[in-house]
Amino acid sequence: MNKLKFNQNVEETNLKMINTQVIYPIAINDQTCTIIIPNRGGSLDRHTTLVIPVTATDGCFLPVGTGIASLIQSCSLLSNGVVIAQNSEVGSYITMQNSFKKTEFRKRVLLPRTGCRENYSPANSGFQDIEAETGGDPIVVLDDNLVRCLDAPGKITLDQLQYNIIASAQTGTSQKNNVAAWDANLDSFGVVSDPGIDNNNYRISSDPLTTANFYLSLEQIFPLLYGSLQLPTYLIETELSLVIRWSSNNSTYNLNERVCQRGDRIAADLGPITCGIIREEVLLLTDYLVPTDDVKNELTSQIMSDEGLVLNYSDLLFNNFFCKGLPAAQVTGPRNHTRYNFQLGLSNKVVRQIYLMFQPSQAVAARALITPYLGGTAVADNQKLYSGYNTINGLKNKYCSKALSYLEDGEAIQIQFNSKNIFNTPMVSSGHKMHELQTAYGSTFNQPYSCYDFADMSVDDIDNIVYPGDIGRLMYQKSLLSYTHSANSWSVQNLVGQQHYIGCNLQRPVLTENNTLTRMNIPGSGMRCGSLPVSIQIDRLCNIGEPDDHRDLIVCSVIEKTMILKGGQISVIDS
């Protein structure tokens, strides 16, 4: 029966044909969308694709690490009211997934498909503020004994950073203070288009005729369903329903979950924005894998048996909490200390992994602030804009996980499962957290370390000699991410510490035929939760000058599920 497993590796000898269909929604508006997926005599392939064309106010762009996934808040796959798979934090989870993709995959695949533009390359030119005593070729002397030097080595920046740039079609030069100078003749990289060549491929615009089309596969939306099997729809009597809830399209920027807007547009306070879905062009491109007659007959016999056909997979369960920041009135001493205790009700569920995401609260809109370095003064010809410490992110919107503290030891995390601590000691160091995260996900975190933590730009004990009393403050000229480069008027340093995910692995590895340990989709490979809730304890140490830095904590639990196909009917139970 190995050949009949509905995994990703489909043998051509078991396939009769591939049937491709285009399916339009039966109902769609700016809040929800419902698509009925008929049975076509085959398995619904993992590459089945949801196409989502959108328009947006000029000067707006998709969150750099999320792309078109920012349009979807939640998505469910159902059969006759039975939930097969669900994802209530589509944009946030896909953003985390993208952090583990290889650089070339993000650049060559995710960019054209989804509009995700979080790729990094060496910052070969520009200015960098450094300490005067380090030497260099100074051209401007700044306060705090800093100088401006050319071509600071070892820095990185966003690749293709002029996405949606405001520029002149004649010269290609920046017109960042003139929002009206937006030019549709620029391609997605900010370069003037060649006459007669439409190369605005990756840019959303206000014109439905020129805006880009992006799409998501079912494998991205339901990664743990399609990471385990190809869904055999032809064995199910009832049609499937794909139910989508779109993210917020509020005209107020801090409440709009779909797009970001240029920093200079925020600074100029140009008013409301919108990101509309081109409803008549939303569709589902389906591939049905039709098995041979022998395989189909054998499977039909199996689902008509007393046991039915049993398929094991995983699903996502999300819980949301609020991490309240201390108000300024309660600040005493040099540091703010807060302890959070959260309880997860996962009784009798088999849990494979747990992830934590710390989203900045959207109560405060992103502000275009000029804060180039600790104690520094803005330089008019090289201003870079930063989001406020307690605001949503100018480049990522809400789709980030921001480290809770700038202090090296400012965050300690412990998880209790069945009354036992998962970690021998609470996770404090970035190295420990990164190790556990990669173990949980089963892959390498493919982002610059600067994006995970603030360690490379925080004032430490050595810096404290020059800046006494400022340990834990941010000193922007220290970071691996270039201070001198920007994307859509936002400094690329807005990405520092914004992919601070916490992972906890509860899935046991198995010994393969090659005597290697690996994780496999085997029933019972996770850990069963007893009657007591899962406890999450977080200690947070913050600077006193940054009150009300609230976070929305998203806890993602990977839960084992079992699908039973019997007599053409489907049932789903927790394993």
Protein backbone atom coordinates (compact mmCIF):
# COMPACT_ATOMS: atom_id res chain seq x y z
CA MET A 1 0.00 0.00 0.00
CA ASN A 2 2.99 2.35 0.04
CA LYS A 3 2.21 3.44 -3.49
CA LEU A 4 -1.22 4.59 -2.33
CA LYS A 5 -0.05 7.03 0.30
CA PHE A 6 -1.19 10.52 -0.54
CA ASN A 7 2.12 12.18 0.04
CA GLN A 8 3.93 14.78 -2.00
CA ASN A 9 5.90 12.26 -3.99
CA VAL A 10 3.40 11.09 -6.57
CA GLU A 11 4.61 8.26 -8.80
CA GLU A 12 3.87 8.81 -12.48
CA THR A 13 3.00 5.15 -12.90
CA ASN A 14 0.02 5.66 -10.57
CA LEU A 15 -1.31 8.66 -12.53
CA LYS A 16 -3.67 8.48 -15.44
CA MET A 17 -3.81 12.22 -16.12
CA ILE A 18 -3.74 15.69 -14.57
CA ASN A 19 -7.02 17.61 -14.86
CA THR A 20 -6.71 21.41 -14.61
CA GLN A 21 -9.75 23.57 -13.82
CA VAL A 22 -10.43 27.28 -13.26
CA ILE A 23 -12.91 27.93 -10.44
CA TYR A 24 -14.49 31.28 -9.59
CA PRO A 25 -15.96 32.20 -6.19
CA ILE A 26 -19.67 31.68 -5.61
CA ALA A 27 -19.66 34.68 -3.26
CA ILE A 28 -17.13 37.44 -2.72
CA ASN A 29 -17.05 40.89 -1.13
CA ASP A 30 -14.43 43.00 0.64
CA GLN A 31 -14.72 40.92 3.83
CA THR A 32 -15.11 37.29 2.75
CA CYS A 33 -14.83 34.91 -0.17
CA THR A 34 -16.25 31.40 -0.68
CA ILE A 35 -15.09 29.00 -3.37
CA ILE A 36 -16.70 25.60 -3.98
CA ILE A 37 -14.20 22.96 -5.13
CA PRO A 38 -15.92 20.16 -7.07
CA ASN A 39 -14.84 16.56 -7.18
CA ARG A 40 -13.13 15.84 -10.49
CA GLY A 41 -12.07 12.26 -10.08
CA GLY A 42 -8.63 12.99 -8.63
CA SER A 43 -6.64 14.28 -5.66
CA LEU A 44 -6.52 18.05 -5.16
CA ASP A 45 -2.88 18.89 -5.75
CA ARG A 46 -0.83 20.94 -3.27
CA HIS A 47 0.05 23.43 -6.04
CA THR A 48 -3.58 24.46 -6.48
CA THR A 49 -3.36 28.24 -6.57
CA LEU A 50 -5.47 31.14 -5.34
CA VAL A 51 -5.06 34.23 -7.58
CA ILE A 52 -5.62 37.57 -5.79
CA PRO A 53 -5.37 40.70 -7.98
CA VAL A 54 -5.41 43.98 -6.01
CA THR A 55 -5.11 47.72 -6.49
CA ALA A 56 -3.81 50.19 -3.95
CA THR A 57 -3.32 53.88 -3.38
CA ASP A 58 -0.17 55.13 -5.12
CA GLY A 59 2.69 55.06 -2.67
CA CYS A 60 1.50 51.84 -1.01
CA PHE A 61 3.22 48.47 -1.25
CA LEU A 62 2.82 44.94 0.05
CA PRO A 63 4.67 44.13 3.33
CA VAL A 64 8.17 43.10 2.27
CA GLY A 65 8.31 39.70 4.00
CA THR A 66 4.67 38.78 3.45
CA GLY A 67 3.60 39.80 -0.02
CA ILE A 68 0.05 39.04 -1.11
CA ALA A 69 -0.53 36.85 1.98
CA SER A 70 -1.25 40.11 3.82
CA LEU A 71 -4.65 40.17 2.08
CA ILE A 72 -5.85 37.06 3.94
CA GLN A 73 -6.62 37.04 7.65
CA SER A 74 -7.94 33.48 7.84
CA CYS A 75 -8.74 30.56 5.57
CA SER A 76 -10.57 27.27 6.15
CA LEU A 77 -11.03 24.14 4.04
CA LEU A 78 -14.29 22.33 4.78
CA SER A 79 -16.31 19.34 3.62
CA ASN A 80 -20.01 19.34 4.51
CA GLY A 81 -19.31 21.55 7.53
CA VAL A 82 -16.34 19.45 8.71
CA VAL A 83 -13.16 21.53 9.04
CA ILE A 84 -10.29 19.70 7.34
CA ALA A 85 -7.67 22.41 7.81
CA GLN A 86 -7.63 26.00 8.99
CA ASN A 87 -5.24 28.91 9.33
CA SER A 88 -6.50 31.92 11.27
CA GLU A 89 -3.21 33.87 10.93
CA VAL A 90 -2.35 33.35 7.28
CA GLY A 91 -0.17 36.44 6.78
CA SER A 92 1.76 36.01 10.03
CA TYR A 93 2.43 32.30 9.56
CA ILE A 94 3.47 32.63 5.91
CA THR A 95 5.86 35.44 6.90
CA MET A 96 7.50 33.09 9.39
CA GLN A 97 7.63 30.34 6.75
CA ASN A 98 9.34 32.69 4.31
CA SER A 99 12.11 33.33 6.85
CA PHE A 100 13.22 29.73 6.43
CA LYS A 101 13.25 29.75 2.63
CA LYS A 102 16.58 29.94 0.87
CA THR A 103 17.60 33.32 -0.48
CA GLU A 104 17.45 32.28 -4.13
CA PHE A 105 14.02 30.73 -3.62
CA ARG A 106 12.69 33.95 -2.10
CA LYS A 107 14.21 35.96 -4.94
CA ARG A 108 13.36 33.73 -7.90
CA VAL A 109 10.12 32.10 -6.74
CA LEU A 110 8.43 33.97 -3.89
CA LEU A 111 9.00 37.41 -5.42
CA PRO A 112 7.22 36.79 -8.76
CA ARG A 113 4.57 34.53 -7.23
CA THR A 114 3.67 36.31 -4.00
CA GLY A 115 5.35 39.75 -4.07
CA CYS A 116 7.56 38.91 -1.07
CA ARG A 117 10.67 41.10 -1.36
CA GLU A 118 12.75 40.33 1.71
CA ASN A 119 16.10 39.57 0.09
CA TYR A 120 19.45 40.93 1.21
CA SER A 121 22.66 41.83 -0.58
CA PRO A 122 25.92 43.67 0.26
CA ALA A 123 25.57 47.43 0.72
CA ASN A 124 28.34 48.38 -1.67
CA SER A 125 27.96 52.14 -1.48
CA GLY A 126 26.66 54.91 0.70
CA PHE A 127 27.64 56.57 3.92
CA GLN A 128 28.08 55.15 7.37
CA ASP A 129 28.47 57.01 10.65
CA ILE A 130 31.26 55.57 12.77
CA GLU A 131 33.45 56.63 15.69
CA ALA A 132 35.97 59.33 14.74
CA GLU A 133 38.89 57.50 16.26
CA THR A 134 38.40 54.54 13.91
CA GLY A 135 39.75 56.54 11.02
CA GLY A 136 38.28 56.55 7.56
CA ASP A 137 37.77 59.37 5.11
CA PRO A 138 35.58 61.85 6.95
CA ILE A 139 33.59 64.37 4.98
CA VAL A 140 31.19 65.67 7.66
CA VAL A 141 31.80 65.94 11.38
CA LEU A 142 28.71 65.24 13.46
CA ASP A 143 28.02 65.62 17.14
CA ASP A 144 28.92 62.92 19.66
CA ASN A 145 32.35 62.60 18.05
CA LEU A 146 31.02 60.84 14.95
CA VAL A 147 32.20 61.26 11.40
CA ARG A 148 30.64 60.31 8.09
CA CYS A 149 32.76 57.94 6.03
CA LEU A 150 32.30 56.47 2.58
CA ASP A 151 31.69 52.84 1.83
CA ALA A 152 31.64 51.34 5.30
CA PRO A 153 32.53 47.64 4.80
CA GLY A 154 30.57 44.60 5.87
CA LYS A 155 27.07 46.07 5.72
CA ILE A 156 24.04 44.56 4.02
CA THR A 157 20.77 45.99 2.75
CA LEU A 158 17.54 44.94 1.08
CA ASP A 159 18.03 43.77 -2.46
CA GLN A 160 15.97 45.60 -5.11
CA LEU A 161 15.36 48.26 -2.49
CA GLN A 162 13.82 50.83 -4.82
CA TYR A 163 10.56 48.95 -5.11
CA ASN A 164 7.71 51.45 -5.58
CA ILE A 165 10.14 54.36 -5.48
CA ILE A 166 9.01 57.84 -6.41
CA ALA A 167 11.27 59.02 -9.18
CA SER A 168 11.57 61.03 -12.35
CA ALA A 169 11.00 59.16 -15.61
CA GLN A 170 13.54 61.38 -17.32
CA THR A 171 16.42 60.99 -14.93
CA GLY A 172 15.52 58.13 -12.60
CA THR A 173 16.61 60.30 -9.70
CA SER A 174 14.81 60.32 -6.40
CA GLN A 175 12.05 62.83 -5.78
CA LYS A 176 11.29 61.62 -2.29
CA ASN A 177 9.74 64.84 -1.07
CA ASN A 178 7.35 65.09 -4.00
CA VAL A 179 4.75 62.36 -3.70
CA ALA A 180 2.95 63.72 -6.74
CA ALA A 181 5.99 62.71 -8.81
CA TRP A 182 4.94 59.04 -8.70
CA ASP A 183 5.72 57.61 -12.11
CA ALA A 184 4.00 54.54 -13.52
CA ASN A 185 6.80 54.21 -16.08
CA LEU A 186 9.15 52.87 -13.45
CA ASP A 187 9.58 49.16 -13.16
CA SER A 188 9.47 47.24 -9.87
CA PHE A 189 13.09 48.09 -9.17
CA GLY A 190 12.73 51.83 -9.54
CA VAL A 191 14.35 51.84 -12.99
CA VAL A 192 12.84 53.69 -15.93
CA SER A 193 11.03 51.24 -18.20
CA ASP A 194 12.17 50.77 -21.75
CA PRO A 195 9.68 52.22 -24.28
CA GLY A 196 7.05 49.70 -25.27
CA ILE A 197 8.11 47.16 -22.62
CA ASP A 198 5.79 46.47 -19.72
CA ASN A 199 8.17 45.52 -16.93
CA ASN A 200 6.17 46.70 -13.92
CA ASN A 201 5.72 43.08 -12.97
CA TYR A 202 6.03 43.20 -9.21
CA ARG A 203 4.35 46.47 -8.30
CA ILE A 204 0.77 46.98 -7.24
CA SER A 205 -0.79 50.18 -8.55
CA SER A 206 -4.08 52.05 -8.49
CA ASP A 207 -4.86 50.98 -12.07
CA PRO A 208 -6.47 47.50 -12.46
CA LEU A 209 -4.96 47.26 -15.95
CA THR A 210 -1.35 47.67 -14.81
CA THR A 211 -1.29 46.28 -11.29
CA ALA A 212 0.58 43.06 -10.65
CA ASN A 213 -1.10 39.68 -10.14
CA PHE A 214 0.13 37.55 -7.26
CA TYR A 215 -1.02 34.21 -5.94
CA LEU A 216 -0.75 31.71 -3.09
CA SER A 217 -0.80 27.92 -3.26
CA LEU A 218 -2.82 25.72 -0.93
CA GLU A 219 0.51 24.34 0.26
CA GLN A 220 1.42 27.82 1.57
CA ILE A 221 -1.95 28.43 3.22
CA PHE A 222 -2.27 24.92 4.72
CA PRO A 223 1.39 23.85 4.94
CA LEU A 224 0.89 21.02 7.38
CA LEU A 225 -2.00 19.45 5.49
CA TYR A 226 -0.22 19.54 2.17
CA GLY A 227 3.13 18.84 3.75
CA SER A 228 1.73 15.40 4.53
CA LEU A 229 -0.66 14.40 1.76
CA GLN A 230 -2.44 15.22 -1.48
CA LEU A 231 -6.12 15.56 -0.57
CA PRO A 232 -8.12 12.77 -2.31
CA THR A 233 -11.25 14.75 -3.15
CA TYR A 234 -12.60 12.06 -5.50
CA LEU A 235 -13.14 9.77 -2.50
CA ILE A 236 -15.38 12.37 -0.81
CA GLU A 237 -19.04 12.55 -1.83
CA THR A 238 -19.57 16.20 -0.86
CA GLU A 239 -17.79 19.12 -2.51
CA LEU A 240 -15.14 21.07 -0.64
CA SER A 241 -15.48 24.68 0.43
CA LEU A 242 -12.63 27.16 0.66
CA VAL A 243 -13.73 29.98 2.98
CA ILE A 244 -11.55 33.09 3.12
CA ARG A 245 -11.76 36.10 5.43
CA TRP A 246 -9.86 39.05 4.03
CA SER A 247 -7.71 41.25 6.23
CA SER A 248 -8.75 44.77 7.22
CA ASN A 249 -8.85 47.45 4.53
CA ASN A 250 -9.40 50.34 6.92
CA SER A 251 -8.54 53.72 5.40
CA THR A 252 -6.61 54.65 8.56
CA TYR A 253 -3.07 53.42 8.02
CA ASN A 254 -2.43 51.78 11.39
CA LEU A 255 -5.66 49.78 10.99
CA ASN A 256 -5.04 48.72 7.37
CA GLU A 257 -3.58 45.21 7.46
CA ARG A 258 -3.05 44.81 3.72
CA VAL A 259 -0.37 47.30 2.70
CA CYS A 260 2.40 49.56 3.92
CA GLN A 261 2.95 53.06 2.62
CA ARG A 262 6.06 55.02 1.85
CA GLY A 263 7.66 56.82 4.77
CA ASP A 264 7.60 60.17 3.03
CA ARG A 265 3.90 59.73 2.35
CA ILE A 266 3.28 59.28 6.08
CA ALA A 267 5.54 62.25 6.85
CA ALA A 268 3.51 64.39 4.43
CA ASP A 269 0.25 63.17 6.02
CA LEU A 270 -1.42 62.57 2.67
CA GLY A 271 -4.55 61.09 4.13
CA PRO A 272 -6.51 57.86 3.68
CA ILE A 273 -5.29 54.80 1.80
CA THR A 274 -7.01 51.77 0.32
CA CYS A 275 -6.12 48.36 -1.07
CA GLY A 276 -9.01 46.92 -3.03
CA ILE A 277 -9.48 43.38 -4.32
CA ILE A 278 -10.37 43.06 -8.00
CA ARG A 279 -13.20 40.67 -7.16
CA GLU A 280 -14.14 39.59 -10.68
CA GLU A 281 -10.59 38.33 -11.25
CA VAL A 282 -10.17 36.31 -8.04
CA LEU A 283 -10.02 32.62 -8.96
CA LEU A 284 -8.70 29.21 -8.00
CA LEU A 285 -6.45 27.33 -10.44
CA THR A 286 -6.82 23.65 -9.57
CA ASP A 287 -4.85 20.58 -10.54
CA TYR A 288 -6.49 17.21 -9.98
CA LEU A 289 -4.18 14.20 -9.95
CA VAL A 290 -6.28 11.44 -11.54
CA PRO A 291 -5.09 7.94 -10.55
CA THR A 292 -5.08 4.89 -12.79
CA ASP A 293 -8.13 2.64 -12.76
CA ASP A 294 -6.33 -0.05 -10.73
CA VAL A 295 -5.37 2.42 -8.02
CA LYS A 296 -8.83 3.98 -8.00
CA ASN A 297 -10.55 0.60 -7.63
CA GLU A 298 -8.28 -0.45 -4.80
CA LEU A 299 -8.87 2.79 -2.91
CA THR A 300 -12.62 2.62 -3.48
CA SER A 301 -12.62 -0.81 -1.88
CA GLN A 302 -10.68 0.53 1.04
CA ILE A 303 -13.03 3.43 1.83
CA MET A 304 -15.98 1.06 1.66
CA SER A 305 -14.40 -1.23 4.27
CA ASP A 306 -15.24 -1.15 7.96
CA GLU A 307 -12.02 0.68 8.79
CA GLY A 308 -12.15 3.14 5.95
CA LEU A 309 -9.10 5.03 4.70
CA VAL A 310 -7.15 6.66 7.56
CA LEU A 311 -4.86 9.61 6.81
CA ASN A 312 -2.69 11.41 9.36
CA TYR A 313 -1.62 15.05 9.12
CA SER A 314 -1.15 18.21 11.21
CA ASP A 315 -3.10 21.44 11.55
CA LEU A 316 -2.56 24.88 13.05
CA LEU A 317 -4.26 26.13 16.20
CA PHE A 318 -3.79 29.79 17.15
CA ASN A 319 -4.27 31.55 20.48
CA ASN A 320 -3.96 35.30 20.96
CA PHE A 321 -2.81 37.16 24.07
CA PHE A 322 -1.86 40.72 24.96
CA CYS A 323 1.55 41.68 26.38
CA LYS A 324 0.91 45.03 28.02
CA GLY A 325 3.84 47.44 28.21
CA LEU A 326 4.41 49.44 31.40
CA PRO A 327 3.13 53.03 31.32
CA ALA A 328 5.59 55.82 32.08
CA ALA A 329 3.83 56.60 35.36
CA GLN A 330 4.82 53.22 36.78
CA VAL A 331 8.47 53.46 35.86
CA THR A 332 10.82 53.23 38.82
CA GLY A 333 14.51 52.55 38.80
CA PRO A 334 16.68 52.09 35.71
CA ARG A 335 14.61 49.31 34.11
CA ASN A 336 11.06 48.12 33.66
CA HIS A 337 10.48 44.48 34.60
CA THR A 338 7.32 42.63 33.62
CA ARG A 339 6.34 38.97 33.94
CA TYR A 340 3.65 37.49 31.70
CA ASN A 341 1.95 34.16 32.40
CA PHE A 342 -0.28 32.64 29.72
CA GLN A 343 -2.27 29.39 29.69
CA LEU A 344 -3.03 27.27 26.61
CA GLY A 345 -5.97 24.88 26.75
CA LEU A 346 -4.69 21.93 24.71
CA SER A 347 -6.15 19.11 26.79
CA ASN A 348 -5.89 15.66 25.15
CA LYS A 349 -4.37 17.08 21.95
CA VAL A 350 -1.15 15.69 20.47
CA VAL A 351 1.15 18.68 20.01
CA ARG A 352 4.15 18.59 17.69
CA GLN A 353 5.44 22.19 17.82
CA ILE A 354 4.66 25.52 19.49
CA TYR A 355 5.66 28.91 18.03
CA LEU A 356 5.48 32.39 19.59
CA MET A 357 5.16 35.60 17.58
CA PHE A 358 5.31 39.07 19.16
CA GLN A 359 3.46 41.54 16.93
CA PRO A 360 3.63 45.26 17.75
CA SER A 361 0.19 46.48 18.73
CA GLN A 362 -1.61 48.35 15.96
CA ALA A 363 -3.03 50.87 18.39
CA VAL A 364 -0.34 53.36 17.33
CA ALA A 365 0.29 54.18 13.67
CA ALA A 366 3.77 54.04 12.14
CA ARG A 367 5.52 57.39 12.41
CA ALA A 368 8.19 58.68 10.07
CA LEU A 369 10.90 59.60 12.58
CA ILE A 370 14.41 60.83 11.83
CA THR A 371 16.60 59.11 14.40
CA PRO A 372 19.78 58.10 12.60
CA TYR A 373 21.83 57.20 15.69
CA LEU A 374 21.95 57.57 19.44
CA GLY A 375 22.12 61.24 20.38
CA GLY A 376 22.71 62.27 16.77
CA THR A 377 21.39 65.06 14.60
CA ALA A 378 19.54 64.57 11.34
CA VAL A 379 21.47 65.31 8.17
CA ALA A 380 19.14 66.78 5.57
CA ASP A 381 20.68 65.16 2.50
CA ASN A 382 20.67 61.64 3.94
CA GLN A 383 17.60 61.36 6.11
CA LYS A 384 16.26 57.87 6.67
CA LEU A 385 12.90 57.32 8.32
CA TYR A 386 12.18 55.00 11.25
CA SER A 387 8.97 53.68 12.73
CA GLY A 388 8.39 54.56 16.37
CA TYR A 389 9.43 51.95 18.97
CA ASN A 390 5.77 51.36 19.92
CA THR A 391 4.23 51.46 16.43
CA ILE A 392 3.62 49.01 13.63
CA ASN A 393 6.51 48.51 11.27
CA GLY A 394 6.81 50.78 8.22
CA LEU A 395 8.13 47.98 5.96
CA LYS A 396 6.34 44.94 7.40
CA ASN A 397 3.05 46.31 8.77
CA LYS A 398 1.88 43.94 11.55
CA TYR A 399 3.55 40.89 9.97
CA CYS A 400 6.61 40.71 12.15
CA SER A 401 7.70 39.33 15.47
CA LYS A 402 9.62 42.03 17.32
CA ALA A 403 12.02 41.10 20.11
CA LEU A 404 10.62 42.18 23.47
CA SER A 405 13.72 44.03 24.64
CA TYR A 406 16.84 45.77 23.36
CA LEU A 407 18.79 44.44 26.35
CA GLU A 408 20.97 41.38 25.87
CA ASP A 409 19.28 39.61 28.80
CA GLY A 410 15.96 41.41 28.49
CA GLU A 411 13.84 38.40 27.57
CA ALA A 412 13.55 35.02 29.35
CA ILE A 413 11.05 32.38 28.18
CA GLN A 414 9.99 29.07 29.72
CA ILE A 415 7.24 26.68 28.58
CA GLN A 416 5.66 24.06 30.84
CA PHE A 417 4.05 21.01 29.24
CA ASN A 418 2.31 18.47 31.48
CA SER A 419 3.70 20.35 34.51
CA LYS A 420 7.30 19.88 33.31
CA ASN A 421 9.64 22.57 32.04
CA ILE A 422 10.51 22.06 28.38
CA PHE A 423 13.86 23.84 28.75
CA ASN A 424 16.33 23.07 31.54
CA THR A 425 16.70 26.80 32.11
CA PRO A 426 14.60 29.65 30.67
CA MET A 427 15.73 30.72 27.20
CA VAL A 428 17.63 34.00 27.54
CA SER A 429 20.42 34.09 24.96
CA SER A 430 19.67 34.61 21.29
CA GLY A 431 21.76 31.57 20.41
CA HIS A 432 19.61 29.32 22.58
CA LYS A 433 16.38 30.71 21.11
CA MET A 434 17.65 30.39 17.54
CA HIS A 435 18.70 26.77 18.14
CA GLU A 436 15.29 25.81 19.53
CA LEU A 437 13.50 27.64 16.70
CA GLN A 438 15.43 25.80 13.99
CA THR A 439 14.93 22.49 15.79
CA ALA A 440 11.19 23.11 15.94
CA TYR A 441 10.84 24.11 12.30
CA GLY A 442 13.27 21.50 11.07
CA SER A 443 15.18 23.89 8.84
CA THR A 444 17.77 26.68 8.91
CA PHE A 445 16.65 30.24 9.63
CA ASN A 446 17.70 31.98 6.39
CA GLN A 447 17.70 35.62 7.44
CA PRO A 448 20.47 37.93 8.68
CA TYR A 449 21.02 37.55 12.40
CA SER A 450 20.28 41.27 12.76
CA CYS A 451 16.69 40.55 11.75
CA TYR A 452 16.32 38.15 14.68
CA ASP A 453 17.62 40.28 17.51
CA PHE A 454 18.74 43.79 18.46
CA ALA A 455 22.05 42.53 19.85
CA ASP A 456 24.20 43.95 17.06
CA MET A 457 22.92 47.52 17.49
CA SER A 458 22.30 47.79 21.23
CA VAL A 459 24.61 49.80 23.45
CA ASP A 460 26.58 47.26 25.50
CA ASP A 461 29.16 47.43 28.30
CA ILE A 462 31.91 48.53 25.91
CA ASP A 463 29.79 51.27 24.34
CA ASN A 464 28.77 52.39 27.81
CA ILE A 465 32.20 53.97 28.21
CA VAL A 466 31.28 56.50 25.53
CA TYR A 467 27.55 56.59 26.30
CA PRO A 468 27.28 56.08 30.08
CA GLY A 469 23.89 55.00 31.34
CA ASP A 470 22.58 54.07 27.89
CA ILE A 471 22.96 50.27 27.94
CA GLY A 472 20.12 48.82 25.90
CA ARG A 473 19.57 51.90 23.77
CA LEU A 474 19.84 51.50 20.03
CA MET A 475 22.93 52.87 18.27
CA TYR A 476 22.07 52.63 14.60
CA GLN A 477 25.58 52.92 13.19
CA LYS A 478 26.53 49.61 14.86
CA SER A 479 24.08 47.36 13.01
CA LEU A 480 24.96 44.90 10.28
CA LEU A 481 22.04 46.35 8.31
CA SER A 482 23.13 49.56 6.62
CA TYR A 483 22.03 52.83 8.15
CA THR A 484 22.54 54.64 4.85
CA HIS A 485 20.14 52.60 2.70
CA SER A 486 16.39 52.82 2.56
CA ALA A 487 13.44 51.09 0.92
CA ASN A 488 10.40 53.20 0.10
CA SER A 489 11.88 56.00 2.25
CA TRP A 490 12.11 53.66 5.26
CA SER A 491 15.54 52.85 6.63
CA VAL A 492 16.29 49.16 6.16
CA GLN A 493 17.15 49.17 9.86
CA ASN A 494 13.42 49.06 10.50
CA LEU A 495 13.91 45.32 9.88
CA VAL A 496 16.30 44.81 12.80
CA GLY A 497 14.88 42.46 15.45
CA GLN A 498 11.58 42.03 13.55
CA GLN A 499 11.76 38.27 12.93
CA HIS A 500 12.18 37.18 16.51
CA TYR A 501 10.24 33.91 16.50
CA ILE A 502 10.31 31.46 19.40
CA GLY A 503 10.02 27.75 18.65
CA CYS A 504 9.49 24.69 20.83
CA ASN A 505 9.74 21.18 19.39
CA LEU A 506 7.69 18.40 21.00
CA GLN A 507 7.88 15.89 18.14
CA ARG A 508 10.01 12.79 18.60
CA PRO A 509 12.35 11.81 15.76
CA VAL A 510 12.35 8.29 14.32
CA LEU A 511 15.24 6.12 13.17
CA THR A 512 15.30 5.70 9.39
CA GLU A 513 16.67 2.76 7.40
CA ASN A 514 19.92 4.74 7.05
CA ASN A 515 20.26 4.92 10.85
CA THR A 516 19.57 8.66 10.91
CA LEU A 517 17.05 10.45 13.11
CA THR A 518 14.39 12.44 11.31
CA ARG A 519 10.90 13.83 11.88
CA MET A 520 8.14 12.02 10.04
CA ASN A 521 4.38 12.26 9.82
CA ILE A 522 3.69 9.34 12.11
CA PRO A 523 0.66 9.18 14.44
CA GLY A 524 1.66 9.78 18.04
CA SER A 525 5.03 11.31 17.21
CA GLY A 526 4.05 14.46 19.08
CA MET A 527 3.42 14.85 22.82
CA ARG A 528 -0.07 14.38 24.22
CA CYS A 529 -1.22 17.15 26.53
CA GLY A 530 -2.90 16.10 29.75
CA SER A 531 -5.63 17.85 31.70
CA LEU A 532 -3.41 20.73 32.81
CA PRO A 533 -2.97 23.71 30.47
CA VAL A 534 0.32 24.50 28.74
CA SER A 535 1.99 27.34 30.63
CA ILE A 536 4.08 30.06 28.97
CA GLN A 537 6.11 32.33 31.25
CA ILE A 538 7.87 35.38 29.81
CA ASP A 539 10.12 37.77 31.75
CA ARG A 540 10.63 41.10 30.02
CA LEU A 541 13.18 43.79 30.92
CA CYS A 542 12.83 47.11 29.09
CA ASN A 543 14.29 50.60 29.08
CA ILE A 544 12.46 53.19 31.15
CA GLY A 545 12.23 55.68 28.27
CA GLU A 546 10.01 53.44 26.15
CA PRO A 547 6.64 53.07 27.92
CA ASP A 548 3.51 51.44 26.51
CA ASP A 549 5.42 49.22 24.10
CA HIS A 550 2.53 46.76 23.80
CA ARG A 551 2.64 43.47 21.90
CA ASP A 552 0.04 41.11 20.55
CA LEU A 553 1.30 37.62 21.31
CA ILE A 554 0.28 34.96 18.78
CA VAL A 555 0.81 31.37 19.91
CA CYS A 556 0.73 28.79 17.13
CA SER A 557 0.33 25.13 18.14
CA VAL A 558 0.87 22.37 15.58
CA ILE A 559 -1.74 19.70 16.35
CA GLU A 560 -1.93 16.12 15.10
CA LYS A 561 -5.16 15.21 13.30
CA THR A 562 -6.59 12.10 11.70
CA MET A 563 -8.86 12.10 8.64
CA ILE A 564 -11.11 9.09 8.09
CA LEU A 565 -12.70 8.52 4.68
CA LYS A 566 -15.47 5.94 4.96
CA GLY A 567 -18.35 5.36 2.61
CA GLY A 568 -17.68 8.61 0.83
CA GLN A 569 -18.01 10.59 4.06
CA ILE A 570 -15.23 12.43 5.81
CA SER A 571 -14.58 12.82 9.53
CA VAL A 572 -11.68 14.59 11.25
CA ILE A 573 -10.58 13.91 14.82
CA ASP A 574 -7.68 14.93 17.00
CA SER A 575 -5.20 12.07 17.12
